N, C-alpha and C. Protein backbone atom coordinates (compact mmCIF):
# COMPACT_ATOMS: atom_id res chain seq x y z
N UNK A 1 4.55 9.33 8.79
CA UNK A 1 5.30 8.25 8.17
C UNK A 1 6.37 7.76 9.11
N UNK A 2 6.66 6.47 9.02
CA UNK A 2 7.67 5.89 9.91
C UNK A 2 9.06 5.94 9.31
N UNK A 3 9.17 6.09 8.00
CA UNK A 3 10.48 6.09 7.36
C UNK A 3 11.01 4.69 7.11
N UNK A 4 10.19 3.67 7.30
CA UNK A 4 10.63 2.31 7.07
C UNK A 4 10.46 1.93 5.61
N UNK A 5 11.46 1.25 5.05
CA UNK A 5 11.30 0.73 3.70
C UNK A 5 10.75 -0.70 3.80
N UNK A 6 10.52 -1.34 2.68
CA UNK A 6 9.88 -2.66 2.67
C UNK A 6 10.71 -3.69 3.44
N UNK A 7 12.02 -3.67 3.29
CA UNK A 7 12.88 -4.62 3.99
C UNK A 7 12.83 -4.40 5.50
N UNK A 8 12.86 -3.15 5.92
CA UNK A 8 12.79 -2.83 7.35
C UNK A 8 11.44 -3.24 7.93
N UNK A 9 10.36 -3.06 7.18
CA UNK A 9 9.04 -3.49 7.65
C UNK A 9 9.00 -5.00 7.85
N UNK A 10 9.66 -5.72 6.96
CA UNK A 10 9.73 -7.18 7.08
C UNK A 10 10.46 -7.57 8.36
N UNK A 11 11.55 -6.87 8.66
CA UNK A 11 12.32 -7.18 9.87
C UNK A 11 11.59 -6.79 11.14
N UNK A 12 10.88 -5.68 11.11
CA UNK A 12 10.18 -5.19 12.31
C UNK A 12 8.99 -6.08 12.63
N UNK A 13 8.22 -6.45 11.64
CA UNK A 13 7.04 -7.28 11.88
C UNK A 13 5.77 -6.46 11.76
N UNK A 14 4.70 -7.12 11.40
CA UNK A 14 3.45 -6.41 11.13
C UNK A 14 2.83 -5.82 12.40
N UNK A 15 2.92 -6.52 13.52
CA UNK A 15 2.34 -6.00 14.77
C UNK A 15 3.08 -4.75 15.23
N UNK A 16 4.40 -4.82 15.21
CA UNK A 16 5.21 -3.66 15.61
C UNK A 16 4.98 -2.49 14.67
N UNK A 17 4.89 -2.78 13.38
CA UNK A 17 4.66 -1.72 12.40
C UNK A 17 3.32 -1.03 12.67
N UNK A 18 2.28 -1.80 12.95
CA UNK A 18 0.97 -1.22 13.23
C UNK A 18 1.04 -0.30 14.45
N UNK A 19 1.68 -0.78 15.50
CA UNK A 19 1.80 0.02 16.72
C UNK A 19 2.58 1.30 16.45
N UNK A 20 3.68 1.20 15.70
CA UNK A 20 4.48 2.39 15.39
C UNK A 20 3.69 3.42 14.60
N UNK A 21 2.85 2.95 13.69
CA UNK A 21 2.08 3.87 12.84
C UNK A 21 0.90 4.50 13.57
N UNK A 22 0.38 3.86 14.61
CA UNK A 22 -0.84 4.34 15.25
C UNK A 22 -0.66 4.90 16.66
N UNK A 23 0.56 5.00 17.13
CA UNK A 23 0.79 5.52 18.47
C UNK A 23 0.94 7.04 18.46
N UNK A 24 0.64 7.64 19.58
CA UNK A 24 0.79 9.10 19.69
C UNK A 24 2.01 9.47 20.53
N UNK A 25 2.80 8.46 20.92
CA UNK A 25 4.00 8.71 21.71
C UNK A 25 5.22 8.14 20.99
N UNK A 26 6.41 8.56 21.39
CA UNK A 26 7.64 8.03 20.82
C UNK A 26 7.89 6.62 21.34
N UNK A 27 8.28 5.72 20.45
CA UNK A 27 8.56 4.34 20.83
C UNK A 27 9.88 3.89 20.26
N UNK A 28 10.52 2.97 20.96
CA UNK A 28 11.71 2.29 20.46
C UNK A 28 11.39 0.81 20.44
N UNK A 29 11.46 0.19 19.26
CA UNK A 29 11.18 -1.23 19.13
C UNK A 29 12.51 -1.96 19.02
N UNK A 30 12.71 -2.95 19.90
CA UNK A 30 13.95 -3.72 19.91
C UNK A 30 13.60 -5.17 19.64
N UNK A 31 14.27 -5.74 18.66
CA UNK A 31 14.02 -7.13 18.31
C UNK A 31 14.94 -8.04 19.12
N UNK A 32 14.37 -9.10 19.70
CA UNK A 32 15.13 -10.07 20.48
C UNK A 32 15.73 -11.10 19.52
N UNK A 33 17.05 -11.10 19.37
CA UNK A 33 17.71 -12.00 18.43
C UNK A 33 17.59 -13.47 18.82
N UNK A 34 17.50 -13.76 20.12
CA UNK A 34 17.49 -15.14 20.59
C UNK A 34 16.11 -15.79 20.54
N UNK A 35 15.07 -15.02 20.44
CA UNK A 35 13.71 -15.57 20.45
C UNK A 35 13.36 -16.13 19.08
N UNK A 36 12.84 -17.34 19.05
CA UNK A 36 12.39 -17.95 17.80
C UNK A 36 10.92 -18.29 17.92
N UNK A 37 10.25 -18.37 16.79
CA UNK A 37 8.82 -18.68 16.78
C UNK A 37 8.57 -20.15 16.83
């Protein structure tokens, strides 16, 4: 389990969440505040 609640999953994003759940190594995900879609 990642320990993320629904709000945190929304902030992290679905791609990052998938990677966090399926990796076998420790990861740190950092969100870029300045990047917009």
